[in-house]
């Protein structure tokens, strides 16, 4: 006789988490905080990288919570290997090294970590830390709320180039940006503007990292500075980066006016101003990030005849920002970061045909 409960729906298991931290206390407290929220299952808690690799060889998890300062192989050194072993798991760095440590934070994000969180002293693990930890885990596993359009062919039109590149990104964007910039040849001379969601204190180190990755000068933008060939300017953490045309060419204007997304800096003002200043001669790029920041500016750039390329869903940590642009049908191409870099390097923008859903 068939079970009377056979028609009942099967409840999906909660997303699983692996904790990698050499501190017994930290592992126990974080496990209690995660289990106590009831939204995730702690599948394992191990003291070092080797144990993590052994665990991941046998089990799948959605998120890896990783410390940096551990005996033996440290978290940053192991990060690329753990990402590979995780087979799609997002990595959340939880470490005291991220406290006032922009270098550690930006390096972790550039290596592929999805997000970072400062680990407090043992006595401060409860309360707000537990709430923030679970909030960050929620964001990393949240489903996309946009429909993936059909990816158009990445064909290009002869003679159809551009004069400036404006790139916006948030969560997961630094790793994507590093992959993109590595594809640019040393003789690539177009100016590049970048708005990345980061605190102000992180920006100088971020600019230094970008300069190394791109092999060209990069600086945190200052008001009235000229936008010159061969240079990269990034938005400061305290203001939006806008560009205007002057008698001497393009220049930066910084503003702290509230943006529709609420972000500071925001991608929208950058893309809107690029649309005003360069019109059809601009290329906008939107990389991994949460929310819809950039969608309004992208629409204006598209209306002005500029081109838009967004990161594809498969390679994005969070497909919110690029997905919002793609979902509006205004993305000329949807590509992984390295292919976006190759497209930029060719100085040929994608054809103007719009992808369909």
C-alpha atoms as a PDB file:
ATOM      1  CA  UNK A   1       0.000   0.000   0.000  1.00  0.00           C
ATOM      2  CA  UNK A   2       1.338   3.401  -0.915  1.00  0.00           C
ATOM      3  CA  UNK A   3       2.195   5.768   1.898  1.00  0.00           C
ATOM      4  CA  UNK A   4      -0.578   8.206   2.742  1.00  0.00           C
ATOM      5  CA  UNK A   5       2.062  10.936   2.813  1.00  0.00           C
ATOM      6  CA  UNK A   6       3.474  10.226  -0.666  1.00  0.00           C
ATOM      7  CA  UNK A   7       1.854  13.312  -2.203  1.00  0.00           C
ATOM      8  CA  UNK A   8       3.273  15.745   0.345  1.00  0.00           C
ATOM      9  CA  UNK A   9       5.906  18.140  -1.048  1.00  0.00           C
ATOM     10  CA  UNK A  10       9.526  17.508  -0.098  1.00  0.00           C
ATOM     11  CA  UNK A  11      10.980  20.389   1.865  1.00  0.00           C
ATOM     12  CA  UNK A  12      14.229  21.733   0.444  1.00  0.00           C
ATOM     13  CA  UNK A  13      17.226  21.464   2.734  1.00  0.00           C
ATOM     14  CA  UNK A  14      18.602  24.796   3.967  1.00  0.00           C
ATOM     15  CA  UNK A  15      21.823  26.050   2.353  1.00  0.00           C
ATOM     16  CA  UNK A  16      24.884  24.462   3.958  1.00  0.00           C
ATOM     17  CA  UNK A  17      27.977  26.162   5.346  1.00  0.00           C
ATOM     18  CA  UNK A  18      31.537  25.012   6.038  1.00  0.00           C
ATOM     19  CA  UNK A  19      33.456  26.952   8.711  1.00  0.00           C
ATOM     20  CA  UNK A  20      37.258  27.017   8.413  1.00  0.00           C
ATOM     21  CA  UNK A  21      38.917  28.618  11.455  1.00  0.00           C
ATOM     22  CA  UNK A  22      41.777  27.493  13.688  1.00  0.00           C
ATOM     23  CA  UNK A  23      40.044  28.807  16.833  1.00  0.00           C
ATOM     24  CA  UNK A  24      37.830  26.239  18.581  1.00  0.00           C
ATOM     25  CA  UNK A  25      35.905  29.057  20.231  1.00  0.00           C
ATOM     26  CA  UNK A  26      35.347  30.939  16.970  1.00  0.00           C
ATOM     27  CA  UNK A  27      34.122  27.806  15.213  1.00  0.00           C
ATOM     28  CA  UNK A  28      31.706  27.009  18.020  1.00  0.00           C
ATOM     29  CA  UNK A  29      30.337  30.536  18.348  1.00  0.00           C
ATOM     30  CA  UNK A  30      29.867  31.033  14.605  1.00  0.00           C
ATOM     31  CA  UNK A  31      28.220  27.615  14.300  1.00  0.00           C
ATOM     32  CA  UNK A  32      25.757  28.524  17.062  1.00  0.00           C
ATOM     33  CA  UNK A  33      25.044  31.887  15.443  1.00  0.00           C
ATOM     34  CA  UNK A  34      24.355  30.276  12.065  1.00  0.00           C
ATOM     35  CA  UNK A  35      22.362  27.315  13.367  1.00  0.00           C
ATOM     36  CA  UNK A  36      20.442  29.557  15.764  1.00  0.00           C
ATOM     37  CA  UNK A  37      19.138  31.738  12.921  1.00  0.00           C
ATOM     38  CA  UNK A  38      17.564  28.662  11.369  1.00  0.00           C
ATOM     39  CA  UNK A  39      18.252  29.685   7.781  1.00  0.00           C
ATOM     40  CA  UNK A  40      21.444  27.684   7.204  1.00  0.00           C
ATOM     41  CA  UNK A  41      22.879  24.320   8.148  1.00  0.00           C
ATOM     42  CA  UNK A  42      26.464  24.110   9.395  1.00  0.00           C
ATOM     43  CA  UNK A  43      27.647  21.044   7.505  1.00  0.00           C
ATOM     44  CA  UNK A  44      31.158  21.128   8.944  1.00  0.00           C
ATOM     45  CA  UNK A  45      33.628  23.115  11.049  1.00  0.00           C
ATOM     46  CA  UNK A  46      37.324  22.422  10.545  1.00  0.00           C
ATOM     47  CA  UNK A  47      40.567  23.959  11.889  1.00  0.00           C
ATOM     48  CA  UNK A  48      42.711  24.335   8.778  1.00  0.00           C
ATOM     49  CA  UNK A  49      42.926  24.369   4.994  1.00  0.00           C
ATOM     50  CA  UNK A  50      43.931  20.726   4.630  1.00  0.00           C
ATOM     51  CA  UNK A  51      40.879  19.596   6.604  1.00  0.00           C
ATOM     52  CA  UNK A  52      38.709  21.889   4.509  1.00  0.00           C
ATOM     53  CA  UNK A  53      39.977  20.385   1.268  1.00  0.00           C
ATOM     54  CA  UNK A  54      39.348  16.883   2.604  1.00  0.00           C
ATOM     55  CA  UNK A  55      35.811  17.851   3.598  1.00  0.00           C
ATOM     56  CA  UNK A  56      35.045  19.509   0.255  1.00  0.00           C
ATOM     57  CA  UNK A  57      36.237  16.456  -1.652  1.00  0.00           C
ATOM     58  CA  UNK A  58      33.322  14.537  -0.126  1.00  0.00           C
ATOM     59  CA  UNK A  59      30.655  17.170   0.522  1.00  0.00           C
ATOM     60  CA  UNK A  60      29.032  20.086  -1.306  1.00  0.00           C
ATOM     61  CA  UNK A  61      28.259  23.339   0.489  1.00  0.00           C
ATOM     62  CA  UNK A  62      26.843  26.670  -0.628  1.00  0.00           C
ATOM     63  CA  UNK A  63      29.137  28.900   1.470  1.00  0.00           C
ATOM     64  CA  UNK A  64      32.618  28.574   2.968  1.00  0.00           C
ATOM     65  CA  UNK A  65      33.314  30.827   5.968  1.00  0.00           C
ATOM     66  CA  UNK A  66      37.093  31.235   5.952  1.00  0.00           C
ATOM     67  CA  UNK A  67      39.573  32.742   8.404  1.00  0.00           C
ATOM     68  CA  UNK A  68      42.776  34.337   7.096  1.00  0.00           C
ATOM     69  CA  UNK A  69      45.321  33.942   9.872  1.00  0.00           C
ATOM     70  CA  UNK A  70      45.752  30.200  10.422  1.00  0.00           C
ATOM     71  CA  UNK A  71      48.795  27.985  11.038  1.00  0.00           C
ATOM     72  CA  UNK A  72      50.233  26.263   8.005  1.00  0.00           C
ATOM     73  CA  UNK A  73      48.591  27.528   4.832  1.00  0.00           C
ATOM     74  CA  UNK A  74      46.858  30.866   5.457  1.00  0.00           C
ATOM     75  CA  UNK A  75      43.411  31.656   4.131  1.00  0.00           C
ATOM     76  CA  UNK A  76      44.492  34.036   1.366  1.00  0.00           C
ATOM     77  CA  UNK A  77      47.084  31.626  -0.011  1.00  0.00           C
ATOM     78  CA  UNK A  78      44.526  28.826  -0.001  1.00  0.00           C
ATOM     79  CA  UNK A  79      41.638  30.888  -1.365  1.00  0.00           C
ATOM     80  CA  UNK A  80      41.944  30.017  -5.086  1.00  0.00           C
ATOM     81  CA  UNK A  81      42.272  26.294  -4.298  1.00  0.00           C
ATOM     82  CA  UNK A  82      39.308  26.359  -1.917  1.00  0.00           C
ATOM     83  CA  UNK A  83      37.182  28.144  -4.513  1.00  0.00           C
ATOM     84  CA  UNK A  84      38.008  25.368  -6.976  1.00  0.00           C
ATOM     85  CA  UNK A  85      37.379  22.652  -4.389  1.00  0.00           C
ATOM     86  CA  UNK A  86      34.086  24.287  -3.422  1.00  0.00           C
ATOM     87  CA  UNK A  87      32.635  23.733  -6.908  1.00  0.00           C
ATOM     88  CA  UNK A  88      30.583  26.902  -6.917  1.00  0.00           C
ATOM     89  CA  UNK A  89      30.512  27.621  -3.177  1.00  0.00           C
ATOM     90  CA  UNK A  90      30.779  31.306  -2.250  1.00  0.00           C
ATOM     91  CA  UNK A  91      33.601  32.215   0.124  1.00  0.00           C
ATOM     92  CA  UNK A  92      32.965  34.664   2.971  1.00  0.00           C
ATOM     93  CA  UNK A  93      36.184  35.814   4.653  1.00  0.00           C
ATOM     94  CA  UNK A  94      35.628  36.318   8.398  1.00  0.00           C
ATOM     95  CA  UNK A  95      38.855  37.557   9.938  1.00  0.00           C
ATOM     96  CA  UNK A  96      40.222  40.114  12.357  1.00  0.00           C
ATOM     97  CA  UNK A  97      42.780  40.907   9.618  1.00  0.00           C
ATOM     98  CA  UNK A  98      39.999  42.758   7.792  1.00  0.00           C
ATOM     99  CA  UNK A  99      39.744  45.316  10.612  1.00  0.00           C
ATOM    100  CA  UNK A 100      41.343  48.515   9.290  1.00  0.00           C
ATOM    101  CA  UNK A 101      43.119  46.201   6.876  1.00  0.00           C
ATOM    102  CA  UNK A 102      42.133  47.355   3.441  1.00  0.00           C
ATOM    103  CA  UNK A 103      45.036  45.418   1.968  1.00  0.00           C
ATOM    104  CA  UNK A 104      43.747  42.087   3.271  1.00  0.00           C
ATOM    105  CA  UNK A 105      40.158  42.846   2.312  1.00  0.00           C
ATOM    106  CA  UNK A 106      40.884  44.007  -1.236  1.00  0.00           C
ATOM    107  CA  UNK A 107      43.358  41.179  -1.808  1.00  0.00           C
ATOM    108  CA  UNK A 108      40.770  38.624  -0.680  1.00  0.00           C
ATOM    109  CA  UNK A 109      38.121  40.103  -2.981  1.00  0.00           C
ATOM    110  CA  UNK A 110      40.572  40.214  -5.891  1.00  0.00           C
ATOM    111  CA  UNK A 111      41.374  36.533  -5.348  1.00  0.00           C
ATOM    112  CA  UNK A 112      37.718  35.591  -5.590  1.00  0.00           C
ATOM    113  CA  UNK A 113      36.170  35.921  -2.130  1.00  0.00           C
ATOM    114  CA  UNK A 114      32.527  36.918  -2.397  1.00  0.00           C
ATOM    115  CA  UNK A 115      32.541  39.161   0.676  1.00  0.00           C
ATOM    116  CA  UNK A 116      34.395  39.913   3.905  1.00  0.00           C
ATOM    117  CA  UNK A 117      33.457  40.483   7.545  1.00  0.00           C
ATOM    118  CA  UNK A 118      35.562  41.664  10.465  1.00  0.00           C
ATOM    119  CA  UNK A 119      35.794  38.990  13.158  1.00  0.00           C
ATOM    120  CA  UNK A 120      35.509  40.666  16.562  1.00  0.00           C
ATOM    121  CA  UNK A 121      37.084  39.709  19.858  1.00  0.00           C
ATOM    122  CA  UNK A 122      35.630  36.568  21.407  1.00  0.00           C
ATOM    123  CA  UNK A 123      33.482  38.546  23.826  1.00  0.00           C
ATOM    124  CA  UNK A 124      31.761  40.424  20.995  1.00  0.00           C
ATOM    125  CA  UNK A 125      30.705  37.433  18.882  1.00  0.00           C
ATOM    126  CA  UNK A 126      27.077  37.579  19.948  1.00  0.00           C
ATOM    127  CA  UNK A 127      24.492  40.214  19.085  1.00  0.00           C
ATOM    128  CA  UNK A 128      25.233  42.413  16.102  1.00  0.00           C
ATOM    129  CA  UNK A 129      28.032  40.211  14.724  1.00  0.00           C
ATOM    130  CA  UNK A 130      25.721  37.198  14.559  1.00  0.00           C
ATOM    131  CA  UNK A 131      23.080  39.277  12.774  1.00  0.00           C
ATOM    132  CA  UNK A 132      25.549  40.658  10.216  1.00  0.00           C
ATOM    133  CA  UNK A 133      27.040  37.205   9.619  1.00  0.00           C
ATOM    134  CA  UNK A 134      23.637  35.762   8.773  1.00  0.00           C
ATOM    135  CA  UNK A 135      22.724  38.797   6.654  1.00  0.00           C
ATOM    136  CA  UNK A 136      25.840  38.306   4.549  1.00  0.00           C
ATOM    137  CA  UNK A 137      25.139  34.588   4.181  1.00  0.00           C
ATOM    138  CA  UNK A 138      21.592  35.422   3.061  1.00  0.00           C
ATOM    139  CA  UNK A 139      22.876  37.756   0.373  1.00  0.00           C
ATOM    140  CA  UNK A 140      25.344  35.215  -0.983  1.00  0.00           C
ATOM    141  CA  UNK A 141      22.691  32.558  -1.559  1.00  0.00           C
ATOM    142  CA  UNK A 142      19.745  34.783  -2.481  1.00  0.00           C
ATOM    143  CA  UNK A 143      18.194  33.772  -5.831  1.00  0.00           C
ATOM    144  CA  UNK A 144      18.331  36.220  -8.711  1.00  0.00           C
ATOM    145  CA  UNK A 145      15.112  38.148  -9.253  1.00  0.00           C
ATOM    146  CA  UNK A 146      15.705  38.743 -12.935  1.00  0.00           C
ATOM    147  CA  UNK A 147      15.165  36.573 -16.004  1.00  0.00           C
ATOM    148  CA  UNK A 148      18.270  35.753 -18.004  1.00  0.00           C
ATOM    149  CA  UNK A 149      17.889  36.995 -21.585  1.00  0.00           C
ATOM    150  CA  UNK A 150      19.335  35.076 -24.465  1.00  0.00           C
ATOM    151  CA  UNK A 151      23.021  35.936 -24.814  1.00  0.00           C
ATOM    152  CA  UNK A 152      23.577  37.745 -28.114  1.00  0.00           C
ATOM    153  CA  UNK A 153      26.578  36.916 -30.286  1.00  0.00           C
ATOM    154  CA  UNK A 154      29.672  38.908 -29.349  1.00  0.00           C
ATOM    155  CA  UNK A 155      30.181  40.037 -32.930  1.00  0.00           C
ATOM    156  CA  UNK A 156      31.560  43.480 -33.639  1.00  0.00           C
ATOM    157  CA  UNK A 157      30.987  46.080 -36.289  1.00  0.00           C
ATOM    158  CA  UNK A 158      34.028  47.345 -38.229  1.00  0.00           C
ATOM    159  CA  UNK A 159      34.927  50.933 -37.434  1.00  0.00           C
ATOM    160  CA  UNK A 160      32.492  51.059 -34.549  1.00  0.00           C
ATOM    161  CA  UNK A 161      34.818  51.894 -31.670  1.00  0.00           C
ATOM    162  CA  UNK A 162      34.619  54.029 -28.520  1.00  0.00           C
ATOM    163  CA  UNK A 163      36.616  56.692 -26.654  1.00  0.00           C
ATOM    164  CA  UNK A 164      36.079  55.840 -22.972  1.00  0.00           C
ATOM    165  CA  UNK A 165      35.238  52.829 -20.797  1.00  0.00           C
ATOM    166  CA  UNK A 166      33.125  53.190 -17.633  1.00  0.00           C
ATOM    167  CA  UNK A 167      32.920  50.159 -15.331  1.00  0.00           C
ATOM    168  CA  UNK A 168      30.556  49.680 -12.381  1.00  0.00           C
ATOM    169  CA  UNK A 169      30.703  46.841  -9.849  1.00  0.00           C
ATOM    170  CA  UNK A 170      29.864  45.759  -6.317  1.00  0.00           C
ATOM    171  CA  UNK A 171      29.885  42.373  -4.534  1.00  0.00           C
ATOM    172  CA  UNK A 172      32.109  40.007  -6.502  1.00  0.00           C
ATOM    173  CA  UNK A 173      33.178  42.827  -8.784  1.00  0.00           C
ATOM    174  CA  UNK A 174      36.811  43.132  -7.725  1.00  0.00           C
ATOM    175  CA  UNK A 175      37.618  39.568  -8.787  1.00  0.00           C
ATOM    176  CA  UNK A 176      35.743  40.095 -12.059  1.00  0.00           C
ATOM    177  CA  UNK A 177      37.565  43.370 -12.606  1.00  0.00           C
ATOM    178  CA  UNK A 178      40.925  41.688 -12.114  1.00  0.00           C
ATOM    179  CA  UNK A 179      40.061  39.124 -14.794  1.00  0.00           C
ATOM    180  CA  UNK A 180      38.910  41.861 -17.159  1.00  0.00           C
ATOM    181  CA  UNK A 181      41.946  44.102 -16.712  1.00  0.00           C
ATOM    182  CA  UNK A 182      44.419  41.278 -17.310  1.00  0.00           C
ATOM    183  CA  UNK A 183      43.103  41.048 -20.869  1.00  0.00           C
ATOM    184  CA  UNK A 184      44.093  44.623 -21.760  1.00  0.00           C
ATOM    185  CA  UNK A 185      47.384  44.975 -23.656  1.00  0.00           C
ATOM    186  CA  UNK A 186      50.090  47.371 -22.515  1.00  0.00           C
ATOM    187  CA  UNK A 187      49.397  49.697 -25.446  1.00  0.00           C
ATOM    188  CA  UNK A 188      45.683  50.116 -24.622  1.00  0.00           C
ATOM    189  CA  UNK A 189      45.361  53.878 -24.191  1.00  0.00           C
ATOM    190  CA  UNK A 190      41.703  54.677 -23.635  1.00  0.00           C
ATOM    191  CA  UNK A 191      40.771  56.226 -20.275  1.00  0.00           C
ATOM    192  CA  UNK A 192      38.882  53.962 -17.865  1.00  0.00           C
ATOM    193  CA  UNK A 193      36.527  55.085 -15.095  1.00  0.00           C
ATOM    194  CA  UNK A 194      35.612  52.656 -12.294  1.00  0.00           C
ATOM    195  CA  UNK A 195      32.936  52.863  -9.620  1.00  0.00           C
ATOM    196  CA  UNK A 196      33.276  49.991  -7.147  1.00  0.00           C
ATOM    197  CA  UNK A 197      31.243  49.848  -3.946  1.00  0.00           C
ATOM    198  CA  UNK A 198      33.894  50.026  -1.197  1.00  0.00           C
ATOM    199  CA  UNK A 199      34.449  52.101   1.950  1.00  0.00           C
ATOM    200  CA  UNK A 200      36.529  55.245   1.505  1.00  0.00           C
ATOM    201  CA  UNK A 201      39.452  53.906   3.555  1.00  0.00           C
ATOM    202  CA  UNK A 202      39.890  51.016   1.111  1.00  0.00           C
ATOM    203  CA  UNK A 203      40.158  53.128  -2.031  1.00  0.00           C
ATOM    204  CA  UNK A 204      43.902  53.974  -2.029  1.00  0.00           C
ATOM    205  CA  UNK A 205      44.846  50.314  -1.751  1.00  0.00           C
ATOM    206  CA  UNK A 206      42.226  49.360  -4.311  1.00  0.00           C
ATOM    207  CA  UNK A 207      43.707  51.898  -6.740  1.00  0.00           C
ATOM    208  CA  UNK A 208      47.177  50.439  -6.158  1.00  0.00           C
ATOM    209  CA  UNK A 209      45.873  46.922  -6.847  1.00  0.00           C
ATOM    210  CA  UNK A 210      44.134  48.059 -10.029  1.00  0.00           C
ATOM    211  CA  UNK A 211      47.329  49.740 -11.244  1.00  0.00           C
ATOM    212  CA  UNK A 212      49.223  46.473 -10.839  1.00  0.00           C
ATOM    213  CA  UNK A 213      46.511  44.403 -12.505  1.00  0.00           C
ATOM    214  CA  UNK A 214      46.095  46.776 -15.439  1.00  0.00           C
ATOM    215  CA  UNK A 215      49.746  47.726 -15.849  1.00  0.00           C
ATOM    216  CA  UNK A 216      48.923  51.424 -16.090  1.00  0.00           C
ATOM    217  CA  UNK A 217      48.494  54.402 -13.731  1.00  0.00           C
ATOM    218  CA  UNK A 218      45.422  54.351 -11.512  1.00  0.00           C
ATOM    219  CA  UNK A 219      44.354  56.952  -8.970  1.00  0.00           C
ATOM    220  CA  UNK A 220      41.427  57.790  -6.734  1.00  0.00           C
ATOM    221  CA  UNK A 221      39.574  60.548  -8.595  1.00  0.00           C
ATOM    222  CA  UNK A 222      39.781  64.110  -7.338  1.00  0.00           C
ATOM    223  CA  UNK A 223      37.552  66.999  -8.304  1.00  0.00           C
ATOM    224  CA  UNK A 224      38.452  68.762 -11.590  1.00  0.00           C
ATOM    225  CA  UNK A 225      41.212  66.277 -12.503  1.00  0.00           C
ATOM    226  CA  UNK A 226      41.562  65.698 -16.251  1.00  0.00           C
ATOM    227  CA  UNK A 227      40.487  62.368 -17.747  1.00  0.00           C
ATOM    228  CA  UNK A 228      43.547  61.390 -19.758  1.00  0.00           C
ATOM    229  CA  UNK A 229      44.412  58.550 -22.137  1.00  0.00           C
ATOM    230  CA  UNK A 230      46.130  55.552 -20.594  1.00  0.00           C
ATOM    231  CA  UNK A 231      44.932  56.283 -17.053  1.00  0.00           C
ATOM    232  CA  UNK A 232      42.353  54.715 -14.749  1.00  0.00           C
ATOM    233  CA  UNK A 233      40.345  56.780 -12.273  1.00  0.00           C
ATOM    234  CA  UNK A 234      38.232  55.216  -9.520  1.00  0.00           C
ATOM    235  CA  UNK A 235      35.408  56.844  -7.600  1.00  0.00           C
ATOM    236  CA  UNK A 236      36.306  57.811  -4.030  1.00  0.00           C
ATOM    237  CA  UNK A 237      34.296  56.232  -1.253  1.00  0.00           C
ATOM    238  CA  UNK A 238      32.827  59.581  -0.258  1.00  0.00           C
ATOM    239  CA  UNK A 239      31.481  60.800  -3.628  1.00  0.00           C
ATOM    240  CA  UNK A 240      30.121  59.846  -7.033  1.00  0.00           C
ATOM    241  CA  UNK A 241      32.459  60.093 -10.007  1.00  0.00           C
ATOM    242  CA  UNK A 242      30.932  62.153 -12.807  1.00  0.00           C
ATOM    243  CA  UNK A 243      32.602  63.404 -15.954  1.00  0.00           C
ATOM    244  CA  UNK A 244      32.000  66.621 -17.892  1.00  0.00           C
ATOM    245  CA  UNK A 245      33.357  68.073 -21.103  1.00  0.00           C
ATOM    246  CA  UNK A 246      35.396  71.270 -20.748  1.00  0.00           C
ATOM    247  CA  UNK A 247      37.370  73.400 -23.175  1.00  0.00           C
ATOM    248  CA  UNK A 248      40.381  71.208 -22.405  1.00  0.00           C
ATOM    249  CA  UNK A 249      38.603  67.887 -22.763  1.00  0.00           C
ATOM    250  CA  UNK A 250      36.902  65.595 -20.262  1.00  0.00           C
ATOM    251  CA  UNK A 251      37.314  66.167 -16.526  1.00  0.00           C
ATOM    252  CA  UNK A 252      36.025  64.764 -13.240  1.00  0.00           C
ATOM    253  CA  UNK A 253      33.304  66.323 -11.141  1.00  0.00           C
ATOM    254  CA  UNK A 254      32.656  64.782  -7.729  1.00  0.00           C
ATOM    255  CA  UNK A 255      29.269  64.998  -6.059  1.00  0.00           C
ATOM    256  CA  UNK A 256      27.709  63.487  -2.954  1.00  0.00           C
ATOM    257  CA  UNK A 257      24.077  64.078  -3.967  1.00  0.00           C
ATOM    258  CA  UNK A 258      21.837  61.178  -3.050  1.00  0.00           C
ATOM    259  CA  UNK A 259      21.582  58.605  -5.836  1.00  0.00           C
ATOM    260  CA  UNK A 260      18.406  56.561  -6.495  1.00  0.00           C
ATOM    261  CA  UNK A 261      20.184  53.382  -5.395  1.00  0.00           C
ATOM    262  CA  UNK A 262      21.290  54.943  -2.121  1.00  0.00           C
ATOM    263  CA  UNK A 263      24.883  53.866  -2.852  1.00  0.00           C
ATOM    264  CA  UNK A 264      27.854  56.167  -2.340  1.00  0.00           C
ATOM    265  CA  UNK A 265      29.613  55.985  -4.700  1.00  0.00           C
ATOM    266  CA  UNK A 266      26.922  54.992  -7.177  1.00  0.00           C
ATOM    267  CA  UNK A 267      27.336  53.624 -10.696  1.00  0.00           C
ATOM    268  CA  UNK A 268      24.297  55.530 -11.990  1.00  0.00           C
ATOM    269  CA  UNK A 269      25.781  59.077 -11.886  1.00  0.00           C
ATOM    270  CA  UNK A 270      28.961  57.867 -13.588  1.00  0.00           C
ATOM    271  CA  UNK A 271      27.107  56.224 -16.491  1.00  0.00           C
ATOM    272  CA  UNK A 272      24.649  59.118 -16.800  1.00  0.00           C
ATOM    273  CA  UNK A 273      27.458  61.659 -17.040  1.00  0.00           C
ATOM    274  CA  UNK A 274      29.400  59.504 -19.514  1.00  0.00           C
ATOM    275  CA  UNK A 275      26.252  59.400 -21.647  1.00  0.00           C
ATOM    276  CA  UNK A 276      26.054  63.211 -21.562  1.00  0.00           C
ATOM    277  CA  UNK A 277      29.745  63.737 -22.276  1.00  0.00           C
ATOM    278  CA  UNK A 278      30.530  60.976 -24.786  1.00  0.00           C
ATOM    279  CA  UNK A 279      27.194  59.675 -26.069  1.00  0.00           C
ATOM    280  CA  UNK A 280      27.671  57.002 -28.726  1.00  0.00           C
ATOM    281  CA  UNK A 281      31.445  57.082 -28.186  1.00  0.00           C
ATOM    282  CA  UNK A 282      31.178  55.447 -24.738  1.00  0.00           C
ATOM    283  CA  UNK A 283      31.257  51.839 -23.559  1.00  0.00           C
ATOM    284  CA  UNK A 284      29.615  51.012 -20.226  1.00  0.00           C
ATOM    285  CA  UNK A 285      30.352  47.788 -18.340  1.00  0.00           C
ATOM    286  CA  UNK A 286      28.386  46.433 -15.365  1.00  0.00           C
ATOM    287  CA  UNK A 287      29.960  43.632 -13.333  1.00  0.00           C
ATOM    288  CA  UNK A 288      28.810  41.442 -10.443  1.00  0.00           C
ATOM    289  CA  UNK A 289      26.911  43.192  -7.667  1.00  0.00           C
ATOM    290  CA  UNK A 290      23.789  43.235  -5.551  1.00  0.00           C
ATOM    291  CA  UNK A 291      20.773  45.384  -6.327  1.00  0.00           C
ATOM    292  CA  UNK A 292      20.098  47.576  -9.341  1.00  0.00           C
ATOM    293  CA  UNK A 293      22.716  50.314  -9.101  1.00  0.00           C
ATOM    294  CA  UNK A 294      23.764  51.184 -12.647  1.00  0.00           C
ATOM    295  CA  UNK A 295      20.465  50.302 -14.345  1.00  0.00           C
ATOM    296  CA  UNK A 296      19.281  53.930 -14.559  1.00  0.00           C
ATOM    297  CA  UNK A 297      22.617  55.193 -15.880  1.00  0.00           C
ATOM    298  CA  UNK A 298      22.838  52.280 -18.300  1.00  0.00           C
ATOM    299  CA  UNK A 299      19.431  53.154 -19.745  1.00  0.00           C
ATOM    300  CA  UNK A 300      20.556  56.731 -20.336  1.00  0.00           C
ATOM    301  CA  UNK A 301      23.801  55.579 -21.951  1.00  0.00           C
ATOM    302  CA  UNK A 302      21.891  53.218 -24.213  1.00  0.00           C
ATOM    303  CA  UNK A 303      19.481  56.003 -25.203  1.00  0.00           C
ATOM    304  CA  UNK A 304      22.469  58.195 -26.085  1.00  0.00           C
ATOM    305  CA  UNK A 305      23.761  55.540 -28.486  1.00  0.00           C
ATOM    306  CA  UNK A 306      26.485  54.152 -26.236  1.00  0.00           C
ATOM    307  CA  UNK A 307      27.181  50.449 -25.843  1.00  0.00           C
ATOM    308  CA  UNK A 308      26.665  48.258 -22.790  1.00  0.00           C
ATOM    309  CA  UNK A 309      28.277  44.974 -21.813  1.00  0.00           C
ATOM    310  CA  UNK A 310      27.354  43.092 -18.648  1.00  0.00           C
ATOM    311  CA  UNK A 311      28.851  40.139 -16.818  1.00  0.00           C
ATOM    312  CA  UNK A 312      27.099  36.828 -17.349  1.00  0.00           C
ATOM    313  CA  UNK A 313      25.158  35.066 -14.615  1.00  0.00           C
ATOM    314  CA  UNK A 314      27.419  31.994 -14.417  1.00  0.00           C
ATOM    315  CA  UNK A 315      30.560  33.964 -13.511  1.00  0.00           C
ATOM    316  CA  UNK A 316      28.855  36.516 -11.238  1.00  0.00           C
ATOM    317  CA  UNK A 317      28.881  36.167  -7.458  1.00  0.00           C
ATOM    318  CA  UNK A 318      25.580  38.084  -7.487  1.00  0.00           C
ATOM    319  CA  UNK A 319      23.822  38.781 -10.797  1.00  0.00           C
ATOM    320  CA  UNK A 320      21.738  41.653  -9.441  1.00  0.00           C
ATOM    321  CA  UNK A 321      23.390  44.668 -11.089  1.00  0.00           C
ATOM    322  CA  UNK A 322      24.307  43.104 -14.440  1.00  0.00           C
ATOM    323  CA  UNK A 323      21.038  41.169 -14.449  1.00  0.00           C
ATOM    324  CA  UNK A 324      19.030  44.359 -13.977  1.00  0.00           C
ATOM    325  CA  UNK A 325      20.602  45.845 -17.110  1.00  0.00           C
ATOM    326  CA  UNK A 326      20.238  42.619 -19.071  1.00  0.00           C
ATOM    327  CA  UNK A 327      16.646  42.249 -17.957  1.00  0.00           C
ATOM    328  CA  UNK A 328      15.809  45.647 -19.467  1.00  0.00           C
ATOM    329  CA  UNK A 329      17.007  44.399 -22.856  1.00  0.00           C
ATOM    330  CA  UNK A 330      19.639  47.126 -23.224  1.00  0.00           C
ATOM    331  CA  UNK A 331      22.797  45.020 -22.879  1.00  0.00           C
ATOM    332  CA  UNK A 332      24.597  44.631 -26.194  1.00  0.00           C
ATOM    333  CA  UNK A 333      26.527  41.617 -24.909  1.00  0.00           C
ATOM    334  CA  UNK A 334      26.476  39.336 -21.844  1.00  0.00           C
ATOM    335  CA  UNK A 335      29.908  37.827 -21.278  1.00  0.00           C
ATOM    336  CA  UNK A 336      32.316  36.502 -18.618  1.00  0.00           C
ATOM    337  CA  UNK A 337      34.895  39.068 -17.417  1.00  0.00           C
ATOM    338  CA  UNK A 338      37.845  37.812 -19.455  1.00  0.00           C
ATOM    339  CA  UNK A 339      35.814  38.010 -22.672  1.00  0.00           C
ATOM    340  CA  UNK A 340      34.661  41.511 -21.745  1.00  0.00           C
ATOM    341  CA  UNK A 341      38.339  42.434 -21.407  1.00  0.00           C
ATOM    342  CA  UNK A 342      39.093  40.957 -24.816  1.00  0.00           C
ATOM    343  CA  UNK A 343      36.215  42.916 -26.348  1.00  0.00           C
ATOM    344  CA  UNK A 344      37.514  46.143 -24.785  1.00  0.00           C
ATOM    345  CA  UNK A 345      41.051  45.388 -25.965  1.00  0.00           C
ATOM    346  CA  UNK A 346      39.822  45.130 -29.555  1.00  0.00           C
ATOM    347  CA  UNK A 347      38.329  48.626 -29.244  1.00  0.00           C
ATOM    348  CA  UNK A 348      35.312  47.392 -31.150  1.00  0.00           C
ATOM    349  CA  UNK A 349      32.011  47.703 -29.403  1.00  0.00           C
ATOM    350  CA  UNK A 350      29.418  44.943 -29.809  1.00  0.00           C
ATOM    351  CA  UNK A 351      26.795  45.247 -32.487  1.00  0.00           C
ATOM    352  CA  UNK A 352      23.764  47.337 -31.598  1.00  0.00           C
ATOM    353  CA  UNK A 353      21.266  44.497 -31.803  1.00  0.00           C
ATOM    354  CA  UNK A 354      19.501  43.965 -28.447  1.00  0.00           C
ATOM    355  CA  UNK A 355      19.332  40.553 -26.766  1.00  0.00           C
ATOM    356  CA  UNK A 356      15.886  39.082 -26.368  1.00  0.00           C
ATOM    357  CA  UNK A 357      14.607  37.305 -23.262  1.00  0.00           C
END
